[in-house]
Amino acid sequence: MMKELIKSMKQDKSFGFAIIILSIIVIMVTLSFVLNIDPNVIDTTQKLSSPSIKHIFGTDELGRDYFARALYGGRISLSVGIVAMIISIIIGTIVGVTSGYLGGKIDNFIMRIIDILMSIPSFLVLIVLNSFLRPSVSTIIIIIGLLSWMDVARVVRGETIKIKQNEYCLAAKALGIKNKNIVIRHIIPNLKDIILVAGSLNIASAILTESALSFLGLGVQLPLASWGNMLQDAQKYMFDKLYLAVFPGILIFITVISLTIISKKLSGKNDLN
């Protein structure tokens, strides 16, 4: 697995660059957790200090180290992306496999429900739900996860229809093996490439959604930091202290771009297979 990854990185420079950048971000965010860096230490004598050796990302309006807040914000934003992705992948896979494998009226019914759900503006639903529920990281994760599984279900359903026509699935059915066992042993293992692609895209989408919600003041609430609410706070100082918006903006951009490049590479690899 590792040898294949290194080979792919050497062959595709953009894919290799995306893997390296994403790995650096994840490692730095993880180190902030391990080292227990406090992003809320206030020093009013250092407020709105420009980037320097002491504060490489500068400080905010309360004198808090902006680099520490960016790392902590990454912890929140990546956690939202990963956990929301897991929720959407689990629901989407279950629904997609059920629809594609059983077919017939059940498939038609499930797909019509999905069509209806996909016609509803999900971001508007997110805003409405979040305004009624108590704003918190867990609430945001659950809402995003529950509203982002439909695309996964459609892709998984299409792939399931292809897989169930393969000889080994037909032979298993002819031998009288239960549908549940066929799905577990033959269908789901062959969906791993599709799930990896959908997962990486869903992480990027969830990070952007959380950032947009936090930017509007409906997402992660202070004093917790996320890349989105860091951008929201930066609005007041956009013309005087541009770095307050640049650093979280760049982190969101390169994370999402890296995940998109990785998903495209995995998707191309799957097409070749």
Protein backbone atom coordinates (compact mmCIF):
# COMPACT_ATOMS: atom_id res chain seq x y z
CA MET A 1 0.00 0.00 0.00
CA MET A 2 2.73 2.46 1.00
CA LYS A 3 4.85 1.50 -2.03
CA GLU A 4 1.88 2.13 -4.34
CA LEU A 5 1.27 5.50 -2.71
CA ILE A 6 4.92 6.58 -3.11
CA LYS A 7 4.88 5.41 -6.75
CA SER A 8 1.70 7.38 -7.45
CA MET A 9 3.20 10.48 -5.79
CA LYS A 10 6.30 10.23 -8.00
CA GLN A 11 4.23 9.75 -11.16
CA ASP A 12 1.74 12.54 -10.41
CA LYS A 13 3.46 15.59 -8.93
CA SER A 14 0.21 17.41 -8.07
CA PHE A 15 -1.06 14.34 -6.21
CA GLY A 16 2.24 14.05 -4.35
CA PHE A 17 2.18 17.75 -3.46
CA ALA A 18 -1.41 17.45 -2.20
CA ILE A 19 -0.52 14.45 0.00
CA ILE A 20 2.50 16.28 1.46
CA ILE A 21 0.59 19.52 2.17
CA LEU A 22 -2.35 17.70 3.73
CA SER A 23 0.01 15.57 5.84
CA ILE A 24 1.82 18.69 7.12
CA ILE A 25 -1.49 20.30 8.12
CA VAL A 26 -2.70 17.15 9.87
CA ILE A 27 0.63 16.70 11.70
CA MET A 28 0.69 20.33 12.88
CA VAL A 29 -2.93 20.18 14.03
CA THR A 30 -2.22 16.89 15.83
CA LEU A 31 0.87 18.35 17.52
CA SER A 32 -1.21 21.25 18.83
CA PHE A 33 -3.44 18.66 20.49
CA VAL A 34 -0.54 16.61 21.88
CA LEU A 35 1.37 19.67 23.14
CA ASN A 36 -1.86 21.11 24.58
CA ILE A 37 -1.33 24.55 23.04
CA ASP A 38 -3.76 27.07 24.54
CA PRO A 39 -5.23 29.35 21.83
CA ASN A 40 -7.06 31.53 24.36
CA VAL A 41 -4.13 33.06 26.26
CA ILE A 42 -4.82 36.82 26.27
CA ASP A 43 -2.03 39.40 26.20
CA THR A 44 -3.44 42.89 25.65
CA THR A 45 0.04 44.34 25.31
CA GLN A 46 0.46 42.33 22.09
CA LYS A 47 -2.97 42.87 20.49
CA LEU A 48 -3.08 43.07 16.69
CA SER A 49 0.67 42.57 16.38
CA SER A 50 1.84 41.88 12.85
CA PRO A 51 3.52 38.51 12.06
CA SER A 52 6.94 38.23 13.70
CA ILE A 53 9.38 35.62 15.00
CA LYS A 54 7.55 35.53 18.33
CA HIS A 55 4.09 35.32 16.72
CA ILE A 56 4.56 33.95 13.21
CA PHE A 57 0.90 34.55 12.29
CA GLY A 58 0.66 37.70 14.41
CA THR A 59 -1.98 38.19 17.13
CA ASP A 60 -5.69 39.03 17.17
CA GLU A 61 -7.59 41.89 18.85
CA LEU A 62 -7.12 40.28 22.30
CA GLY A 63 -3.42 39.57 21.84
CA ARG A 64 -3.98 35.83 21.37
CA ASP A 65 -1.39 34.03 19.26
CA TYR A 66 -2.95 33.65 15.82
CA PHE A 67 -0.84 30.64 14.89
CA ALA A 68 -2.09 28.76 17.96
CA ARG A 69 -5.66 29.69 17.08
CA ALA A 70 -5.14 28.58 13.48
CA LEU A 71 -3.89 25.18 14.66
CA TYR A 72 -6.76 24.84 17.11
CA GLY A 73 -9.18 26.02 14.41
CA GLY A 74 -7.79 23.35 12.12
CA ARG A 75 -8.47 20.77 14.81
CA ILE A 76 -12.11 21.84 14.93
CA SER A 77 -12.56 22.21 11.15
CA LEU A 78 -10.88 18.89 10.31
CA SER A 79 -12.80 17.10 13.08
CA VAL A 80 -16.08 18.44 11.67
CA GLY A 81 -15.07 17.35 8.17
CA ILE A 82 -13.94 13.85 9.13
CA VAL A 83 -16.78 12.95 11.51
CA ALA A 84 -19.47 14.44 9.23
CA MET A 85 -17.93 12.45 6.37
CA ILE A 86 -18.11 9.21 8.38
CA ILE A 87 -21.80 9.83 9.12
CA SER A 88 -22.63 10.60 5.48
CA ILE A 89 -20.61 7.63 4.18
CA ILE A 90 -22.31 5.18 6.55
CA ILE A 91 -25.82 6.39 5.71
CA GLY A 92 -25.09 6.78 1.99
CA THR A 93 -23.51 3.33 1.72
CA ILE A 94 -26.38 1.59 3.54
CA VAL A 95 -29.04 3.37 1.46
CA GLY A 96 -27.14 3.03 -1.83
CA VAL A 97 -26.37 -0.68 -1.41
CA THR A 98 -29.96 -1.42 -0.35
CA SER A 99 -31.36 0.46 -3.33
CA GLY A 100 -28.94 -0.94 -5.89
CA TYR A 101 -28.96 -4.54 -4.71
CA LEU A 102 -32.71 -4.99 -4.18
CA GLY A 103 -33.76 -2.98 -7.23
CA GLY A 104 -37.35 -2.86 -8.48
CA LYS A 105 -39.97 -0.86 -6.60
CA ILE A 106 -37.73 -0.43 -3.56
CA ASP A 107 -35.02 1.10 -5.74
CA ASN A 108 -37.50 3.44 -7.44
CA PHE A 109 -38.97 4.53 -4.10
CA ILE A 110 -35.57 5.22 -2.51
CA MET A 111 -34.30 7.11 -5.56
CA ARG A 112 -37.39 9.32 -5.69
CA ILE A 113 -36.90 10.16 -2.01
CA ILE A 114 -33.27 11.02 -2.72
CA ASP A 115 -34.30 13.19 -5.69
CA ILE A 116 -36.70 15.11 -3.44
CA LEU A 117 -34.08 15.59 -0.73
CA MET A 118 -31.48 16.74 -3.27
CA SER A 119 -33.88 19.33 -4.67
CA ILE A 120 -34.03 21.05 -1.28
CA PRO A 121 -31.26 23.69 -0.78
CA SER A 122 -29.16 21.95 1.86
CA PHE A 123 -27.35 25.09 3.01
CA LEU A 124 -30.66 26.83 3.66
CA VAL A 125 -31.80 23.80 5.69
CA LEU A 126 -28.51 23.94 7.60
CA ILE A 127 -29.08 27.58 8.50
CA VAL A 128 -32.69 26.97 9.59
CA LEU A 129 -31.86 23.88 11.67
CA ASN A 130 -28.85 25.52 13.26
CA SER A 131 -30.93 28.54 14.26
CA PHE A 132 -33.36 26.29 16.15
CA LEU A 133 -30.76 24.00 17.74
CA ARG A 134 -28.08 24.98 20.21
CA PRO A 135 -24.97 25.96 18.21
CA SER A 136 -22.15 23.54 18.98
CA VAL A 137 -19.53 21.46 17.19
CA SER A 138 -21.50 18.25 17.68
CA THR A 139 -24.69 19.86 16.33
CA ILE A 140 -22.87 21.08 13.21
CA ILE A 141 -21.31 17.66 12.63
CA ILE A 142 -24.65 15.84 12.90
CA ILE A 143 -26.51 18.32 10.68
CA ILE A 144 -23.84 18.30 7.95
CA GLY A 145 -23.56 14.51 8.09
CA LEU A 146 -27.33 14.02 7.82
CA LEU A 147 -27.62 16.41 4.87
CA SER A 148 -24.68 15.19 2.76
CA TRP A 149 -25.29 11.46 2.23
CA MET A 150 -27.50 11.66 -0.88
CA ASP A 151 -24.67 12.00 -3.42
CA VAL A 152 -22.86 9.09 -1.76
CA ALA A 153 -26.02 6.95 -1.98
CA ARG A 154 -26.45 7.65 -5.71
CA VAL A 155 -22.82 6.77 -6.54
CA VAL A 156 -22.85 3.64 -4.35
CA ARG A 157 -26.17 2.52 -5.83
CA GLY A 158 -24.80 2.75 -9.39
CA GLU A 159 -21.67 0.81 -8.48
CA THR A 160 -23.68 -1.81 -6.58
CA ILE A 161 -25.81 -2.47 -9.67
CA LYS A 162 -22.61 -3.14 -11.66
CA ILE A 163 -21.04 -5.36 -9.00
CA LYS A 164 -24.12 -7.54 -8.44
CA GLN A 165 -24.01 -8.52 -12.14
CA ASN A 166 -20.52 -10.02 -11.77
CA GLU A 167 -20.14 -13.79 -11.97
CA TYR A 168 -19.08 -14.28 -8.35
CA CYS A 169 -22.22 -12.52 -7.09
CA LEU A 170 -24.47 -14.46 -9.45
CA ALA A 171 -22.77 -17.72 -8.44
CA ALA A 172 -23.18 -16.92 -4.75
CA LYS A 173 -26.86 -16.22 -5.27
CA ALA A 174 -27.30 -19.44 -7.25
CA LEU A 175 -25.72 -21.39 -4.39
CA GLY A 176 -28.39 -20.04 -2.06
CA ILE A 177 -26.15 -17.72 -0.03
CA LYS A 178 -28.22 -15.13 1.83
CA ASN A 179 -28.39 -11.61 0.40
CA LYS A 180 -26.95 -10.19 3.62
CA ASN A 181 -23.83 -12.35 3.29
CA ILE A 182 -23.43 -11.52 -0.40
CA VAL A 183 -23.57 -7.81 0.40
CA ILE A 184 -21.09 -8.08 3.28
CA ARG A 185 -18.62 -10.41 1.53
CA HIS A 186 -18.79 -9.31 -2.09
CA ILE A 187 -20.56 -5.97 -2.57
CA ILE A 188 -19.19 -3.70 0.18
CA PRO A 189 -15.49 -4.77 -0.15
CA ASN A 190 -15.62 -3.85 -3.85
CA LEU A 191 -16.99 -0.39 -3.04
CA LYS A 192 -13.87 0.72 -1.16
CA ASP A 193 -12.44 2.82 -4.03
CA ILE A 194 -15.75 4.62 -4.59
CA ILE A 195 -16.12 5.20 -0.85
CA LEU A 196 -12.58 6.63 -0.62
CA VAL A 197 -13.33 9.11 -3.42
CA ALA A 198 -16.68 10.10 -1.90
CA GLY A 199 -15.10 10.36 1.55
CA SER A 200 -12.33 12.75 0.50
CA LEU A 201 -14.81 14.96 -1.37
CA ASN A 202 -17.21 14.96 1.58
CA ILE A 203 -14.47 16.05 3.98
CA ALA A 204 -13.70 19.02 1.72
CA SER A 205 -17.39 19.86 1.39
CA ALA A 206 -17.98 19.60 5.15
CA ILE A 207 -15.00 21.89 5.90
CA LEU A 208 -16.34 24.50 3.46
CA THR A 209 -19.86 24.21 4.91
CA GLU A 210 -18.63 24.59 8.50
CA SER A 211 -16.47 27.55 7.46
CA ALA A 212 -19.42 29.23 5.75
CA LEU A 213 -21.70 28.66 8.76
CA SER A 214 -19.07 29.94 11.19
CA PHE A 215 -18.39 32.93 8.94
CA LEU A 216 -22.11 33.79 9.19
CA GLY A 217 -21.99 33.39 12.98
CA LEU A 218 -24.10 30.21 12.94
CA GLY A 219 -21.34 27.66 13.32
CA VAL A 220 -18.60 27.17 15.89
CA GLN A 221 -19.06 29.72 18.65
CA LEU A 222 -16.39 31.72 20.49
CA PRO A 223 -14.16 31.21 22.41
CA LEU A 224 -13.67 28.05 20.33
CA ALA A 225 -11.73 28.75 17.17
CA SER A 226 -12.39 27.39 13.70
CA TRP A 227 -11.08 28.62 10.38
CA GLY A 228 -14.57 29.90 9.60
CA ASN A 229 -15.11 32.04 12.69
CA MET A 230 -11.53 33.32 12.42
CA LEU A 231 -12.55 34.73 9.03
CA GLN A 232 -15.66 36.21 10.60
CA ASP A 233 -13.62 38.01 13.27
CA ALA A 234 -11.18 39.24 10.61
CA GLN A 235 -13.91 41.25 8.80
CA LYS A 236 -13.54 44.16 11.23
CA TYR A 237 -9.85 44.52 10.42
CA MET A 238 -9.90 43.57 6.72
CA PHE A 239 -8.19 46.77 5.53
CA ASP A 240 -5.86 47.34 8.50
CA LYS A 241 -4.75 43.81 9.43
CA LEU A 242 -5.21 41.73 6.28
CA TYR A 243 -3.24 38.81 7.71
CA LEU A 244 -6.17 38.00 10.03
CA ALA A 245 -8.16 36.92 6.98
CA VAL A 246 -5.30 35.65 4.82
CA PHE A 247 -3.99 32.89 7.09
CA PRO A 248 -7.26 31.03 7.83
CA GLY A 249 -8.36 31.62 4.23
CA ILE A 250 -5.17 30.04 2.87
CA LEU A 251 -5.51 27.07 5.23
CA ILE A 252 -9.09 26.43 4.08
CA PHE A 253 -8.07 26.83 0.44
CA ILE A 254 -5.06 24.51 0.42
CA THR A 255 -6.86 21.88 2.52
CA VAL A 256 -9.88 21.78 0.20
CA ILE A 257 -7.73 21.88 -2.95
CA SER A 258 -5.52 19.06 -1.63
CA LEU A 259 -8.55 16.89 -0.84
CA THR A 260 -10.02 17.62 -4.28
CA ILE A 261 -6.78 16.64 -6.05
CA ILE A 262 -6.55 13.44 -4.00
CA SER A 263 -10.17 12.52 -4.77
CA LYS A 264 -9.63 13.11 -8.50
CA LYS A 265 -6.55 10.88 -8.46
CA LEU A 266 -8.45 8.13 -6.64
CA SER A 267 -11.36 8.53 -9.03
CA GLY A 268 -9.03 8.24 -12.08
CA LYS A 269 -7.39 5.17 -10.58
CA ASN A 270 -10.80 3.60 -10.04
CA ASP A 271 -11.79 4.31 -13.66
CA LEU A 272 -8.65 2.55 -14.89
CA ASN A 273 -9.50 -0.46 -12.79
